Every structure is written in structure tokens, then in C-alpha cells.
């Protein structure tokens, strides 16, 4: 993997997934989307997809052999998911805080206002996934957005998004740097 040069104040990227249990319910999906916006994340890319079982197995291979692995793979392939690339100065940790603990029972007690604390059903059907490190974020973003170049984004888009002005497109569901004198995506 090539090293990506970033300025010290550069925005950080993370992958956020909205799992099938939330995507199946439009009000829950919209509530999670609003949490992303209200926590001042920049939505760099967004897509909805049906995940093949083989892709789920590859993505979660680090958990293979654990008691929950098969249930998790089956669930993640059971319906549409929404994938986001989010940017923020501390995107990974902030998204993990907004999601709350993985275990829903714990989330309800220690972070009841978190996404998982308020919307999660079980430890598998816990509404969201988020990268846990910079290395994981890069790997996971590449898995869901194979045409996205992290290096090109840091060179071309990140400085514009960080320095603003930035606009949000409700139709496209993403943020973009406002071109001089206009409001449309560049």
C-alpha cells in the first residue's frame, strides 16, 4: 500500500455502513442520515447496494470461526445496505462515538442516545458499522468504493472541503466544495 501524504490538519476519512435492518425502514434510515449531518460529518461518497454473501465473507474474514460469524454474514447479505465515506477532523473516533458500543444492551445503558443505543435491535442487527482505525478505513473504503482514490481525494478534494465553502446536495446526498460564484457540484 502506498503512503498518502496528508497535511497535519487534513480531514480524516472513515467508512460508515447502514445495515439492512435500518435500510429496510425509511424513517430509521433517515434518522441515521440526519445523525451524520448533525454531527458535522462531510459525506464524501454514498451508495446503496446489495451485498453478495461472498463479499460479506471476505469483508468479515477476521471473524471467521467466531460464534457470530455465519449469522453476521447471512444478515449483511439479507437486504440493501447504505455505504458512506465520511470526512471529519476525527472521523473514525467521532463516528464510533455516534454509533455507540457494538453490543446493543451495553449501548442502551452507557450511550442511550447513540444510534445503537436508540435504534439497535441485537448485537448483529445493531444498525451501523464503522471503521476502527485508519488502516481499516482505507481497506474498507476500497472494498465498497473501488473507483475511489484516497490519494487523489486528499490531493484534489480534501483541501477544498476543509477550507470551504461547502454545500450539501440533498438530491445526491453528498457534500461538495462550492465553486466560485455557483452552488452546483464542481
C-alpha atoms as a PDB file:
ATOM      1  CA  UNK A   1       0.000   0.000   0.000  1.00  0.00           C
ATOM      2  CA  UNK A   2       1.308   3.442  -0.896  1.00  0.00           C
ATOM      3  CA  UNK A   3       1.692   6.064   1.767  1.00  0.00           C
ATOM      4  CA  UNK A   4      -0.645   9.012   1.414  1.00  0.00           C
ATOM      5  CA  UNK A   5       0.825  12.374   2.346  1.00  0.00           C
ATOM      6  CA  UNK A   6      -1.587  14.483   4.367  1.00  0.00           C
ATOM      7  CA  UNK A   7      -1.268  17.859   5.956  1.00  0.00           C
ATOM      8  CA  UNK A   8      -1.439  17.764   9.786  1.00  0.00           C
ATOM      9  CA  UNK A   9      -4.852  19.448   9.773  1.00  0.00           C
ATOM     10  CA  UNK A  10      -6.254  17.226   6.972  1.00  0.00           C
ATOM     11  CA  UNK A  11      -9.692  15.717   7.307  1.00  0.00           C
ATOM     12  CA  UNK A  12      -9.810  12.031   8.198  1.00  0.00           C
ATOM     13  CA  UNK A  13     -11.912   9.522   6.261  1.00  0.00           C
ATOM     14  CA  UNK A  14     -13.945   6.625   7.608  1.00  0.00           C
ATOM     15  CA  UNK A  15     -16.361   4.080   6.208  1.00  0.00           C
ATOM     16  CA  UNK A  16     -19.853   4.037   7.652  1.00  0.00           C
ATOM     17  CA  UNK A  17     -22.345   1.300   6.805  1.00  0.00           C
ATOM     18  CA  UNK A  18     -26.052   1.362   7.489  1.00  0.00           C
ATOM     19  CA  UNK A  19     -27.075  -2.260   7.875  1.00  0.00           C
ATOM     20  CA  UNK A  20     -30.106  -3.985   6.294  1.00  0.00           C
ATOM     21  CA  UNK A  21     -32.264  -3.647   9.426  1.00  0.00           C
ATOM     22  CA  UNK A  22     -32.082   0.159   9.166  1.00  0.00           C
ATOM     23  CA  UNK A  23     -32.201   0.457   5.375  1.00  0.00           C
ATOM     24  CA  UNK A  24     -35.425  -1.587   5.388  1.00  0.00           C
ATOM     25  CA  UNK A  25     -37.143   1.131   7.442  1.00  0.00           C
ATOM     26  CA  UNK A  26     -37.080   4.545   5.722  1.00  0.00           C
ATOM     27  CA  UNK A  27     -37.642   6.514   8.945  1.00  0.00           C
ATOM     28  CA  UNK A  28     -34.720   4.795  10.669  1.00  0.00           C
ATOM     29  CA  UNK A  29     -32.525   5.249   7.587  1.00  0.00           C
ATOM     30  CA  UNK A  30     -33.369   8.958   7.526  1.00  0.00           C
ATOM     31  CA  UNK A  31     -32.740   9.278  11.290  1.00  0.00           C
ATOM     32  CA  UNK A  32     -29.241   7.799  10.879  1.00  0.00           C
ATOM     33  CA  UNK A  33     -28.564  10.065   7.893  1.00  0.00           C
ATOM     34  CA  UNK A  34     -29.622  13.074   9.971  1.00  0.00           C
ATOM     35  CA  UNK A  35     -27.268  11.973  12.782  1.00  0.00           C
ATOM     36  CA  UNK A  36     -24.424  12.021  10.264  1.00  0.00           C
ATOM     37  CA  UNK A  37     -25.340  15.541   9.176  1.00  0.00           C
ATOM     38  CA  UNK A  38     -25.989  16.880  12.675  1.00  0.00           C
ATOM     39  CA  UNK A  39     -22.566  15.672  13.828  1.00  0.00           C
ATOM     40  CA  UNK A  40     -20.954  17.788  11.095  1.00  0.00           C
ATOM     41  CA  UNK A  41     -19.579  14.932   9.017  1.00  0.00           C
ATOM     42  CA  UNK A  42     -18.958  15.690   5.387  1.00  0.00           C
ATOM     43  CA  UNK A  43     -20.463  12.993   3.191  1.00  0.00           C
ATOM     44  CA  UNK A  44     -17.797  12.388   0.549  1.00  0.00           C
ATOM     45  CA  UNK A  45     -19.492   9.472  -1.230  1.00  0.00           C
ATOM     46  CA  UNK A  46     -22.668   7.463  -0.671  1.00  0.00           C
ATOM     47  CA  UNK A  47     -24.152   4.423  -2.353  1.00  0.00           C
ATOM     48  CA  UNK A  48     -26.767   1.768  -1.716  1.00  0.00           C
ATOM     49  CA  UNK A  49     -26.061  -1.786  -2.688  1.00  0.00           C
ATOM     50  CA  UNK A  50     -26.985  -5.408  -2.200  1.00  0.00           C
ATOM     51  CA  UNK A  51     -24.003  -7.210  -0.784  1.00  0.00           C
ATOM     52  CA  UNK A  52     -23.270 -10.715  -2.045  1.00  0.00           C
ATOM     53  CA  UNK A  53     -22.642 -13.401   0.552  1.00  0.00           C
ATOM     54  CA  UNK A  54     -19.126 -13.953  -0.844  1.00  0.00           C
ATOM     55  CA  UNK A  55     -18.308 -10.261  -0.380  1.00  0.00           C
ATOM     56  CA  UNK A  56     -19.599 -10.384   3.214  1.00  0.00           C
ATOM     57  CA  UNK A  57     -17.438 -13.420   3.951  1.00  0.00           C
ATOM     58  CA  UNK A  58     -14.361 -11.669   2.568  1.00  0.00           C
ATOM     59  CA  UNK A  59     -15.092  -8.431   4.448  1.00  0.00           C
ATOM     60  CA  UNK A  60     -15.636 -10.190   7.797  1.00  0.00           C
ATOM     61  CA  UNK A  61     -12.960 -12.905   7.355  1.00  0.00           C
ATOM     62  CA  UNK A  62     -11.146 -11.714  10.511  1.00  0.00           C
ATOM     63  CA  UNK A  63     -14.182 -13.027  12.458  1.00  0.00           C
ATOM     64  CA  UNK A  64     -14.323 -16.410  10.694  1.00  0.00           C
ATOM     65  CA  UNK A  65     -14.658 -19.200  13.252  1.00  0.00           C
ATOM     66  CA  UNK A  66     -16.274 -16.944  15.870  1.00  0.00           C
ATOM     67  CA  UNK A  67     -19.767 -17.872  17.056  1.00  0.00           C
ATOM     68  CA  UNK A  68     -21.446 -14.896  15.375  1.00  0.00           C
ATOM     69  CA  UNK A  69     -19.661 -15.047  12.000  1.00  0.00           C
ATOM     70  CA  UNK A  70     -22.232 -17.022   9.990  1.00  0.00           C
ATOM     71  CA  UNK A  71     -25.165 -15.074  11.444  1.00  0.00           C
ATOM     72  CA  UNK A  72     -23.431 -11.774  10.628  1.00  0.00           C
ATOM     73  CA  UNK A  73     -22.631 -12.815   7.039  1.00  0.00           C
ATOM     74  CA  UNK A  74     -26.200 -14.029   6.418  1.00  0.00           C
ATOM     75  CA  UNK A  75     -27.666 -10.851   7.890  1.00  0.00           C
ATOM     76  CA  UNK A  76     -25.437  -8.454   5.949  1.00  0.00           C
ATOM     77  CA  UNK A  77     -26.381 -10.224   2.691  1.00  0.00           C
ATOM     78  CA  UNK A  78     -30.109 -10.235   3.557  1.00  0.00           C
ATOM     79  CA  UNK A  79     -31.011  -6.855   2.063  1.00  0.00           C
ATOM     80  CA  UNK A  80     -29.789  -3.494   0.852  1.00  0.00           C
ATOM     81  CA  UNK A  81     -27.141  -1.591   2.787  1.00  0.00           C
ATOM     82  CA  UNK A  82     -26.006   2.022   2.503  1.00  0.00           C
ATOM     83  CA  UNK A  83     -22.299   2.789   2.450  1.00  0.00           C
ATOM     84  CA  UNK A  84     -20.807   6.212   3.151  1.00  0.00           C
ATOM     85  CA  UNK A  85     -17.358   7.698   3.040  1.00  0.00           C
ATOM     86  CA  UNK A  86     -17.416  10.298   5.816  1.00  0.00           C
ATOM     87  CA  UNK A  87     -14.869  13.039   6.444  1.00  0.00           C
ATOM     88  CA  UNK A  88     -14.202  14.960   9.656  1.00  0.00           C
ATOM     89  CA  UNK A  89     -11.081  16.067  11.518  1.00  0.00           C
ATOM     90  CA  UNK A  90     -11.513  12.982  13.762  1.00  0.00           C
ATOM     91  CA  UNK A  91     -13.909  10.924  11.627  1.00  0.00           C
ATOM     92  CA  UNK A  92     -13.118   7.435  12.922  1.00  0.00           C
ATOM     93  CA  UNK A  93     -13.456   8.141  16.638  1.00  0.00           C
ATOM     94  CA  UNK A  94     -16.397  10.517  16.218  1.00  0.00           C
ATOM     95  CA  UNK A  95     -18.357   8.011  14.105  1.00  0.00           C
ATOM     96  CA  UNK A  96     -17.653   5.248  16.629  1.00  0.00           C
ATOM     97  CA  UNK A  97     -18.937   7.527  19.416  1.00  0.00           C
ATOM     98  CA  UNK A  98     -22.058   8.462  17.437  1.00  0.00           C
ATOM     99  CA  UNK A  99     -22.720   4.746  16.757  1.00  0.00           C
ATOM    100  CA  UNK A 100     -22.213   3.704  20.384  1.00  0.00           C
ATOM    101  CA  UNK A 101     -20.965   0.344  21.675  1.00  0.00           C
ATOM    102  CA  UNK A 102     -21.333  -2.714  19.416  1.00  0.00           C
ATOM    103  CA  UNK A 103     -23.393  -4.586  21.994  1.00  0.00           C
ATOM    104  CA  UNK A 104     -26.884  -3.090  21.982  1.00  0.00           C
ATOM    105  CA  UNK A 105     -27.581  -3.945  25.641  1.00  0.00           C
ATOM    106  CA  UNK A 106     -24.449  -2.040  26.672  1.00  0.00           C
ATOM    107  CA  UNK A 107     -25.224   0.817  24.267  1.00  0.00           C
ATOM    108  CA  UNK A 108     -28.675   1.255  25.806  1.00  0.00           C
ATOM    109  CA  UNK A 109     -27.107   1.690  29.241  1.00  0.00           C
ATOM    110  CA  UNK A 110     -23.913   3.657  28.605  1.00  0.00           C
ATOM    111  CA  UNK A 111     -24.869   5.569  25.429  1.00  0.00           C
ATOM    112  CA  UNK A 112     -28.684   5.581  25.181  1.00  0.00           C
ATOM    113  CA  UNK A 113     -28.687   8.494  22.719  1.00  0.00           C
ATOM    114  CA  UNK A 114     -26.245   6.778  20.363  1.00  0.00           C
ATOM    115  CA  UNK A 115     -27.501   5.196  17.139  1.00  0.00           C
ATOM    116  CA  UNK A 116     -27.130   1.676  18.503  1.00  0.00           C
ATOM    117  CA  UNK A 117     -28.493   2.648  21.914  1.00  0.00           C
ATOM    118  CA  UNK A 118     -31.646   4.131  20.428  1.00  0.00           C
ATOM    119  CA  UNK A 119     -32.145   2.104  17.226  1.00  0.00           C
ATOM    120  CA  UNK A 120     -30.177  -1.161  17.554  1.00  0.00           C
ATOM    121  CA  UNK A 121     -32.122  -4.406  17.916  1.00  0.00           C
ATOM    122  CA  UNK A 122     -29.460  -7.042  18.672  1.00  0.00           C
ATOM    123  CA  UNK A 123     -25.671  -7.279  18.585  1.00  0.00           C
ATOM    124  CA  UNK A 124     -25.893  -8.338  14.905  1.00  0.00           C
ATOM    125  CA  UNK A 125     -28.803  -6.063  13.965  1.00  0.00           C
ATOM    126  CA  UNK A 126     -27.151  -3.046  15.548  1.00  0.00           C
ATOM    127  CA  UNK A 127     -27.912  -0.634  12.696  1.00  0.00           C
ATOM    128  CA  UNK A 128     -24.387   0.511  11.767  1.00  0.00           C
ATOM    129  CA  UNK A 129     -20.762  -0.391  11.141  1.00  0.00           C
ATOM    130  CA  UNK A 130     -17.727   1.872  11.288  1.00  0.00           C
ATOM    131  CA  UNK A 131     -14.021   1.524  10.676  1.00  0.00           C
ATOM    132  CA  UNK A 132     -11.895   1.147  13.810  1.00  0.00           C
ATOM    133  CA  UNK A 133      -8.576   2.548  12.538  1.00  0.00           C
ATOM    134  CA  UNK A 134      -7.012   4.495   9.674  1.00  0.00           C
ATOM    135  CA  UNK A 135      -5.735   1.251   8.129  1.00  0.00           C
ATOM    136  CA  UNK A 136      -9.186  -0.388   8.399  1.00  0.00           C
ATOM    137  CA  UNK A 137     -10.845   2.711   6.952  1.00  0.00           C
ATOM    138  CA  UNK A 138      -8.609   2.646   3.869  1.00  0.00           C
ATOM    139  CA  UNK A 139      -9.182  -1.086   3.335  1.00  0.00           C
ATOM    140  CA  UNK A 140     -12.948  -0.856   3.912  1.00  0.00           C
ATOM    141  CA  UNK A 141     -13.416   2.221   1.732  1.00  0.00           C
ATOM    142  CA  UNK A 142     -11.595   0.423  -1.112  1.00  0.00           C
ATOM    143  CA  UNK A 143     -13.905  -2.596  -0.686  1.00  0.00           C
ATOM    144  CA  UNK A 144     -17.102  -0.547  -1.016  1.00  0.00           C
ATOM    145  CA  UNK A 145     -15.881   2.220  -3.321  1.00  0.00           C
ATOM    146  CA  UNK A 146     -13.360   0.554  -5.653  1.00  0.00           C
ATOM    147  CA  UNK A 147     -13.295   3.567  -8.002  1.00  0.00           C
ATOM    148  CA  UNK A 148     -12.476   5.987  -5.161  1.00  0.00           C
ATOM    149  CA  UNK A 149      -8.848   7.085  -4.980  1.00  0.00           C
ATOM    150  CA  UNK A 150      -7.999   8.130  -1.445  1.00  0.00           C
ATOM    151  CA  UNK A 151      -4.748   9.689  -2.610  1.00  0.00           C
ATOM    152  CA  UNK A 152      -6.477  11.727  -5.340  1.00  0.00           C
ATOM    153  CA  UNK A 153      -9.173  12.803  -2.844  1.00  0.00           C
ATOM    154  CA  UNK A 154      -6.514  14.098  -0.415  1.00  0.00           C
ATOM    155  CA  UNK A 155      -4.764  15.926  -3.248  1.00  0.00           C
ATOM    156  CA  UNK A 156      -7.793  17.415  -5.010  1.00  0.00           C
ATOM    157  CA  UNK A 157     -10.977  17.412  -2.918  1.00  0.00           C
ATOM    158  CA  UNK A 158      -9.870  17.441   0.723  1.00  0.00           C
ATOM    159  CA  UNK A 159      -8.238  20.907   0.704  1.00  0.00           C
ATOM    160  CA  UNK A 160     -11.370  22.421  -0.865  1.00  0.00           C
ATOM    161  CA  UNK A 161     -13.713  20.694   1.590  1.00  0.00           C
ATOM    162  CA  UNK A 162     -11.540  21.592   4.584  1.00  0.00           C
ATOM    163  CA  UNK A 163     -11.178  25.248   3.606  1.00  0.00           C
ATOM    164  CA  UNK A 164     -14.758  25.698   2.345  1.00  0.00           C
ATOM    165  CA  UNK A 165     -17.221  26.920   1.463  1.00  0.00           C
ATOM    166  CA  UNK A 166     -19.022  23.580   1.407  1.00  0.00           C
ATOM    167  CA  UNK A 167     -22.561  22.810   0.310  1.00  0.00           C
ATOM    168  CA  UNK A 168     -24.738  19.753   0.834  1.00  0.00           C
ATOM    169  CA  UNK A 169     -26.786  18.315  -2.010  1.00  0.00           C
ATOM    170  CA  UNK A 170     -29.942  16.630  -0.648  1.00  0.00           C
ATOM    171  CA  UNK A 171     -30.565  15.095  -4.087  1.00  0.00           C
ATOM    172  CA  UNK A 172     -27.136  13.484  -4.292  1.00  0.00           C
ATOM    173  CA  UNK A 173     -26.745  13.050  -0.541  1.00  0.00           C
ATOM    174  CA  UNK A 174     -23.167  14.341  -0.546  1.00  0.00           C
ATOM    175  CA  UNK A 175     -21.200  17.469   0.315  1.00  0.00           C
ATOM    176  CA  UNK A 176     -19.188  19.344  -2.284  1.00  0.00           C
ATOM    177  CA  UNK A 177     -16.872  22.315  -2.383  1.00  0.00           C
ATOM    178  CA  UNK A 178     -18.752  25.292  -3.736  1.00  0.00           C
ATOM    179  CA  UNK A 179     -17.240  26.609  -6.953  1.00  0.00           C
ATOM    180  CA  UNK A 180     -16.559  30.336  -7.004  1.00  0.00           C
ATOM    181  CA  UNK A 181     -19.807  32.123  -7.793  1.00  0.00           C
ATOM    182  CA  UNK A 182     -22.001  28.999  -8.013  1.00  0.00           C
ATOM    183  CA  UNK A 183     -23.932  26.471  -5.993  1.00  0.00           C
ATOM    184  CA  UNK A 184     -23.720  23.332  -8.141  1.00  0.00           C
ATOM    185  CA  UNK A 185     -21.257  20.438  -7.766  1.00  0.00           C
ATOM    186  CA  UNK A 186     -17.912  21.115  -9.468  1.00  0.00           C
END
